[in-house]
N, C-alpha and C. Protein backbone atom coordinates (compact mmCIF):
# COMPACT_ATOMS: atom_id res chain seq x y z
N GLN A 1 29.55 -30.99 -28.16
CA GLN A 1 30.19 -29.81 -28.00
C GLN A 1 32.30 -30.62 -28.35
N VAL A 2 33.37 -30.31 -29.34
CA VAL A 2 33.94 -31.24 -29.65
C VAL A 2 35.09 -30.31 -27.81
N GLN A 3 35.56 -31.38 -27.76
CA GLN A 3 36.64 -30.86 -25.98
C GLN A 3 38.08 -31.33 -26.23
N LEU A 4 37.92 -32.11 -26.81
CA LEU A 4 39.56 -32.81 -27.39
C LEU A 4 39.64 -33.11 -28.42
N VAL A 5 40.69 -32.29 -28.99
CA VAL A 5 40.93 -32.40 -30.58
C VAL A 5 42.50 -32.67 -30.78
N GLU A 6 42.57 -33.51 -31.67
CA GLU A 6 43.60 -34.30 -31.98
C GLU A 6 44.17 -34.13 -33.24
N SER A 7 45.00 -34.25 -33.36
CA SER A 7 46.16 -33.97 -34.59
C SER A 7 47.63 -34.59 -34.41
N GLY A 8 48.13 -35.10 -36.10
CA GLY A 8 49.43 -35.87 -36.21
C GLY A 8 49.04 -36.76 -36.78
N GLY A 9 48.10 -38.23 -36.25
CA GLY A 9 48.58 -39.09 -37.23
C GLY A 9 48.50 -39.49 -38.37
N GLY A 10 48.82 -40.42 -39.04
CA GLY A 10 49.15 -40.52 -40.44
C GLY A 10 49.85 -42.11 -40.70
N LEU A 11 50.27 -41.96 -41.82
CA LEU A 11 51.15 -42.72 -42.70
C LEU A 11 52.56 -42.88 -42.65
N VAL A 12 53.76 -43.54 -41.79
CA VAL A 12 54.67 -43.95 -42.11
C VAL A 12 55.73 -45.09 -42.25
N GLN A 13 56.23 -44.92 -42.67
CA GLN A 13 57.29 -46.36 -42.76
C GLN A 13 58.21 -47.02 -41.30
N ASP A 14 58.08 -47.94 -41.10
CA ASP A 14 58.81 -48.73 -39.91
C ASP A 14 60.42 -47.94 -39.77
N GLY A 15 60.57 -47.54 -38.37
CA GLY A 15 61.54 -46.91 -38.36
C GLY A 15 61.59 -44.85 -38.10
N GLY A 16 60.00 -45.14 -38.15
CA GLY A 16 59.98 -43.21 -38.77
C GLY A 16 58.82 -42.23 -37.42
N SER A 17 59.15 -41.68 -37.59
CA SER A 17 58.54 -40.88 -36.49
C SER A 17 57.17 -40.02 -36.75
N LEU A 18 56.68 -39.84 -35.74
CA LEU A 18 55.31 -38.79 -36.01
C LEU A 18 54.98 -38.10 -34.47
N ARG A 19 54.38 -36.87 -34.53
CA ARG A 19 54.26 -36.32 -32.89
C ARG A 19 52.40 -36.19 -33.12
N LEU A 20 51.95 -36.86 -32.18
CA LEU A 20 50.44 -36.60 -32.23
C LEU A 20 50.49 -35.48 -30.91
N SER A 21 49.55 -34.45 -30.93
CA SER A 21 48.71 -33.65 -30.20
C SER A 21 47.51 -33.79 -30.01
N CYS A 22 47.00 -33.39 -28.78
CA CYS A 22 45.59 -33.27 -28.69
C CYS A 22 45.68 -31.95 -27.41
N ALA A 23 44.52 -30.83 -28.19
CA ALA A 23 44.06 -29.97 -27.07
C ALA A 23 43.05 -30.05 -26.51
N ALA A 24 43.02 -30.01 -25.11
CA ALA A 24 41.40 -29.71 -24.31
C ALA A 24 41.14 -28.26 -24.54
N SER A 25 40.01 -28.11 -24.89
CA SER A 25 38.76 -27.14 -25.14
C SER A 25 39.19 -26.53 -23.32
N ASP A 26 39.15 -25.11 -23.64
CA ASP A 26 38.83 -24.37 -22.41
C ASP A 26 38.10 -24.86 -21.45
N THR A 27 37.03 -25.14 -21.60
CA THR A 27 35.53 -25.97 -20.89
C THR A 27 35.88 -26.88 -20.15
N ILE A 28 37.07 -27.36 -20.39
CA ILE A 28 37.80 -28.16 -19.19
C ILE A 28 38.56 -27.83 -18.28
N PHE A 29 38.20 -27.45 -16.89
CA PHE A 29 38.76 -27.26 -15.59
C PHE A 29 39.82 -27.98 -14.86
N SER A 30 41.00 -27.89 -14.42
CA SER A 30 41.71 -28.44 -13.26
C SER A 30 41.74 -29.64 -14.42
N ILE A 31 42.67 -30.28 -14.88
CA ILE A 31 42.82 -31.06 -16.22
C ILE A 31 44.17 -31.96 -14.67
N SER A 32 43.75 -32.95 -14.70
CA SER A 32 45.14 -33.30 -13.90
C SER A 32 45.96 -34.08 -14.43
N ILE A 33 45.22 -35.54 -15.27
CA ILE A 33 45.87 -36.28 -16.09
C ILE A 33 45.78 -35.97 -17.32
N MET A 34 47.11 -36.31 -18.42
CA MET A 34 46.50 -36.10 -19.95
C MET A 34 47.76 -37.39 -20.37
N GLY A 35 46.54 -38.29 -20.94
CA GLY A 35 47.34 -39.38 -21.84
C GLY A 35 46.73 -39.80 -23.37
N TRP A 36 47.55 -40.70 -23.85
CA TRP A 36 46.99 -41.43 -24.89
C TRP A 36 47.04 -42.85 -24.47
N TYR A 37 46.15 -43.42 -25.07
CA TYR A 37 45.52 -45.10 -25.27
C TYR A 37 45.75 -45.51 -26.79
N ARG A 38 46.12 -46.35 -26.98
CA ARG A 38 45.88 -46.94 -28.04
C ARG A 38 44.99 -48.07 -28.45
N GLN A 39 44.25 -48.58 -29.33
CA GLN A 39 43.91 -49.70 -30.16
C GLN A 39 43.97 -49.88 -31.44
N ALA A 40 44.37 -51.67 -31.37
CA ALA A 40 44.63 -51.92 -32.94
C ALA A 40 43.42 -52.54 -33.32
N LEU A 41 43.72 -53.04 -34.52
CA LEU A 41 42.29 -53.30 -35.17
C LEU A 41 42.43 -55.11 -34.16
N GLY A 42 41.19 -54.89 -33.58
CA GLY A 42 40.59 -56.78 -32.50
C GLY A 42 41.49 -56.65 -31.51
N LYS A 43 41.79 -55.70 -31.42
CA LYS A 43 42.24 -55.67 -29.74
C LYS A 43 41.60 -54.61 -28.74
N GLN A 44 42.04 -55.01 -27.74
CA GLN A 44 41.47 -54.08 -26.57
C GLN A 44 42.19 -53.13 -26.60
N ARG A 45 41.56 -51.44 -25.93
CA ARG A 45 41.84 -50.43 -25.91
C ARG A 45 43.68 -50.26 -24.62
N GLU A 46 44.65 -50.13 -24.74
CA GLU A 46 45.43 -50.07 -23.90
C GLU A 46 45.93 -48.62 -23.78
N LEU A 47 47.04 -48.58 -22.68
CA LEU A 47 47.57 -47.28 -22.17
C LEU A 47 48.90 -47.45 -22.76
N VAL A 48 49.18 -46.22 -23.88
CA VAL A 48 50.57 -45.72 -24.18
C VAL A 48 51.38 -44.81 -22.76
N ALA A 49 50.78 -43.92 -22.69
CA ALA A 49 51.41 -43.15 -21.86
C ALA A 49 50.64 -41.89 -20.95
N ARG A 50 50.98 -41.72 -19.78
CA ARG A 50 50.36 -40.59 -19.20
C ARG A 50 51.46 -39.81 -18.51
N ILE A 51 50.60 -38.55 -18.31
CA ILE A 51 51.71 -37.31 -17.29
C ILE A 51 50.49 -36.72 -16.87
N THR A 52 51.08 -36.26 -15.60
CA THR A 52 50.43 -35.66 -14.38
C THR A 52 50.39 -34.18 -14.71
N ALA A 53 49.66 -33.75 -14.20
CA ALA A 53 50.11 -32.21 -13.86
C ALA A 53 51.69 -31.65 -13.87
N GLY A 54 51.88 -32.23 -12.92
CA GLY A 54 53.32 -32.15 -12.33
C GLY A 54 54.36 -32.34 -12.97
N GLY A 55 53.88 -33.32 -14.07
CA GLY A 55 55.05 -33.91 -14.87
C GLY A 55 55.28 -35.34 -14.97
N SER A 56 55.01 -36.20 -13.89
CA SER A 56 55.48 -37.32 -13.74
C SER A 56 54.58 -38.75 -15.17
N THR A 57 55.93 -39.09 -15.25
CA THR A 57 55.34 -39.76 -16.56
C THR A 57 55.25 -41.69 -16.48
N ASN A 58 54.57 -41.84 -17.08
CA ASN A 58 54.80 -43.34 -16.83
C ASN A 58 53.87 -43.89 -18.56
N TYR A 59 54.54 -45.29 -18.65
CA TYR A 59 54.99 -45.99 -20.29
C TYR A 59 54.64 -47.30 -20.20
N ALA A 60 53.68 -47.65 -21.37
CA ALA A 60 54.12 -48.79 -21.21
C ALA A 60 54.85 -49.26 -21.90
N ASP A 61 55.44 -50.60 -21.05
CA ASP A 61 56.61 -51.27 -21.79
C ASP A 61 56.93 -51.41 -23.01
N ALA A 62 55.93 -51.47 -24.21
CA ALA A 62 56.31 -51.88 -25.89
C ALA A 62 56.93 -50.44 -25.84
N VAL A 63 56.77 -48.99 -25.43
CA VAL A 63 57.10 -48.11 -25.85
C VAL A 63 57.87 -47.20 -25.74
N LYS A 64 58.62 -48.05 -24.45
CA LYS A 64 59.24 -46.95 -23.42
C LYS A 64 60.85 -46.93 -24.18
N GLY A 65 61.58 -45.70 -24.37
CA GLY A 65 62.73 -45.47 -25.17
C GLY A 65 62.35 -44.64 -26.18
N ARG A 66 61.30 -45.14 -26.72
CA ARG A 66 60.58 -44.59 -28.08
C ARG A 66 60.19 -43.35 -28.23
N PHE A 67 58.98 -43.73 -27.14
CA PHE A 67 58.26 -42.61 -27.15
C PHE A 67 58.22 -41.52 -25.91
N THR A 68 57.67 -40.37 -26.30
CA THR A 68 57.82 -39.22 -24.98
C THR A 68 56.78 -38.60 -25.40
N ILE A 69 56.04 -38.71 -23.64
CA ILE A 69 55.01 -37.35 -23.85
C ILE A 69 55.46 -36.80 -22.98
N SER A 70 54.55 -35.78 -23.61
CA SER A 70 55.09 -34.16 -22.61
C SER A 70 53.52 -33.14 -22.66
N ARG A 71 53.80 -32.35 -22.12
CA ARG A 71 52.44 -32.00 -22.21
C ARG A 71 52.74 -29.75 -21.76
N ASP A 72 52.04 -29.31 -22.33
CA ASP A 72 51.95 -27.50 -21.70
C ASP A 72 50.44 -27.60 -21.05
N ASN A 73 50.83 -26.94 -20.21
CA ASN A 73 49.45 -26.83 -19.09
C ASN A 73 48.69 -25.42 -19.47
N ALA A 74 49.93 -24.42 -19.75
CA ALA A 74 49.15 -23.14 -20.36
C ALA A 74 48.55 -23.45 -21.17
N LYS A 75 48.49 -24.39 -22.53
CA LYS A 75 47.64 -24.56 -23.72
C LYS A 75 46.60 -25.71 -23.29
N ASN A 76 46.66 -26.52 -22.51
CA ASN A 76 45.94 -27.43 -22.21
C ASN A 76 46.25 -28.44 -23.05
N THR A 77 47.08 -28.55 -23.58
CA THR A 77 47.31 -29.98 -24.86
C THR A 77 48.90 -30.77 -24.01
N VAL A 78 48.14 -31.64 -24.84
CA VAL A 78 49.27 -32.92 -24.62
C VAL A 78 49.94 -33.15 -25.97
N TYR A 79 51.57 -34.48 -25.91
CA TYR A 79 51.77 -34.34 -26.98
C TYR A 79 52.14 -35.91 -26.95
N LEU A 80 52.66 -36.83 -28.42
CA LEU A 80 53.04 -37.56 -27.94
C LEU A 80 54.29 -38.01 -29.29
N GLN A 81 54.96 -37.94 -28.76
CA GLN A 81 56.25 -37.89 -29.96
C GLN A 81 56.71 -39.60 -30.11
N MET A 82 56.52 -40.06 -31.16
CA MET A 82 56.96 -41.51 -31.59
C MET A 82 58.23 -41.27 -31.88
N ASN A 83 59.01 -42.30 -31.92
CA ASN A 83 60.08 -42.27 -32.60
C ASN A 83 60.66 -43.82 -32.86
N SER A 84 60.78 -44.53 -33.74
CA SER A 84 61.16 -45.95 -33.86
C SER A 84 60.36 -46.35 -33.91
N LEU A 85 59.42 -45.91 -34.83
CA LEU A 85 57.91 -46.56 -34.94
C LEU A 85 57.94 -47.94 -35.89
N LYS A 86 57.00 -48.67 -35.28
CA LYS A 86 57.14 -50.21 -35.74
C LYS A 86 56.08 -50.31 -36.10
N PRO A 87 55.81 -51.32 -37.00
CA PRO A 87 54.19 -51.66 -37.56
C PRO A 87 53.41 -52.44 -36.37
N GLU A 88 54.07 -52.82 -35.47
CA GLU A 88 53.48 -52.76 -34.12
C GLU A 88 52.69 -51.69 -33.31
N ASP A 89 52.85 -50.92 -33.69
CA ASP A 89 52.47 -49.40 -32.98
C ASP A 89 51.33 -48.89 -34.09
N THR A 90 50.57 -49.80 -35.04
CA THR A 90 49.57 -49.58 -36.13
C THR A 90 48.66 -49.77 -34.98
N ALA A 91 47.73 -48.39 -34.85
CA ALA A 91 46.42 -48.65 -34.19
C ALA A 91 45.99 -46.84 -34.34
N VAL A 92 44.80 -47.18 -33.42
CA VAL A 92 44.08 -45.60 -33.35
C VAL A 92 44.59 -45.11 -32.28
N TYR A 93 44.69 -43.76 -32.47
CA TYR A 93 45.46 -43.42 -30.67
C TYR A 93 44.46 -42.26 -30.20
N TYR A 94 44.13 -42.80 -29.07
CA TYR A 94 43.09 -41.51 -28.33
C TYR A 94 43.57 -41.09 -27.45
N CYS A 95 43.32 -39.59 -27.31
CA CYS A 95 43.98 -38.59 -26.03
C CYS A 95 42.81 -39.13 -25.23
N HIS A 96 43.35 -38.89 -23.94
CA HIS A 96 42.32 -39.14 -22.68
C HIS A 96 42.98 -37.79 -21.91
N VAL A 97 41.44 -37.77 -21.23
CA VAL A 97 41.87 -36.28 -19.91
C VAL A 97 41.00 -36.30 -18.83
N VAL A 98 42.05 -36.60 -17.65
CA VAL A 98 40.66 -36.63 -16.79
C VAL A 98 41.13 -35.56 -15.69
N ALA A 99 39.79 -34.83 -15.44
CA ALA A 99 39.21 -33.35 -14.93
C ALA A 99 39.44 -33.72 -13.57
N THR A 100 39.22 -32.55 -12.64
CA THR A 100 39.20 -32.96 -11.01
C THR A 100 38.03 -31.90 -10.53
N ARG A 101 38.16 -30.59 -11.43
CA ARG A 101 36.63 -29.56 -11.01
C ARG A 101 35.90 -29.17 -12.19
N PRO A 102 34.58 -29.23 -12.30
CA PRO A 102 33.83 -28.87 -10.79
C PRO A 102 33.83 -30.60 -10.03
N ARG A 103 33.88 -31.32 -10.93
CA ARG A 103 34.05 -32.32 -10.07
C ARG A 103 34.97 -33.37 -11.12
N LEU A 104 34.76 -34.25 -10.52
CA LEU A 104 35.91 -35.48 -11.48
C LEU A 104 35.11 -36.12 -12.69
N ALA A 105 35.92 -35.68 -13.73
CA ALA A 105 35.47 -36.35 -15.28
C ALA A 105 36.45 -36.73 -16.34
N ASP A 106 36.05 -37.32 -16.71
CA ASP A 106 37.32 -37.75 -17.52
C ASP A 106 36.44 -37.95 -19.25
N TYR A 107 37.56 -37.26 -20.35
CA TYR A 107 37.23 -36.93 -21.77
C TYR A 107 37.82 -37.66 -22.32
N TRP A 108 37.55 -38.05 -23.83
CA TRP A 108 38.27 -38.88 -24.53
C TRP A 108 38.14 -38.47 -26.16
N GLY A 109 39.08 -38.29 -26.94
CA GLY A 109 39.15 -37.78 -27.80
C GLY A 109 38.88 -38.45 -29.24
N GLN A 110 38.44 -38.05 -30.32
CA GLN A 110 37.62 -39.17 -31.33
C GLN A 110 38.60 -40.12 -31.83
N GLY A 111 39.81 -39.81 -31.65
CA GLY A 111 40.89 -40.71 -32.40
C GLY A 111 41.83 -40.44 -33.65
N THR A 112 42.79 -40.76 -33.68
CA THR A 112 43.83 -40.33 -34.54
C THR A 112 44.70 -41.59 -35.08
N GLN A 113 44.14 -42.04 -36.19
CA GLN A 113 44.90 -43.47 -37.15
C GLN A 113 46.10 -43.19 -37.22
N VAL A 114 47.45 -44.29 -36.62
CA VAL A 114 48.60 -44.13 -36.98
C VAL A 114 48.88 -45.52 -37.78
N THR A 115 48.90 -45.06 -38.50
CA THR A 115 49.45 -46.59 -39.35
C THR A 115 51.81 -46.52 -39.96
N VAL A 116 52.10 -47.69 -39.19
CA VAL A 116 53.03 -47.85 -39.79
C VAL A 116 53.30 -49.19 -40.63
N SER A 117 53.99 -48.99 -42.03
CA SER A 117 54.00 -49.95 -42.88
C SER A 117 55.58 -50.34 -42.77
N SER A 118 55.89 -51.47 -43.33
CA SER A 118 56.84 -52.03 -43.18
C SER A 118 57.76 -52.48 -44.37
């Protein structure tokens, strides 16, 4: 049962933009935190950005000022607008969701490849 569906990855040139989307199925209730992580080849998965249900955000230092996370609570969807992309942003990007009811649980998307060419 697929619970998080990601879209928007692809190939873009240095300085370009992409927008990622992640829609959570309506079987996931009481979503608190939604976020994006990334994993580059040979590296550990790292937090990119996350947003609470109330709209508070935090970003990795490497993406501050270039990436913007947002969410539509009515649609259970989180977005990541990525501007001024750099080759070092190349990675598989994963959506992550934390839900609090009926119990605390977290979910991962299948990942979407973002490749920035120089």
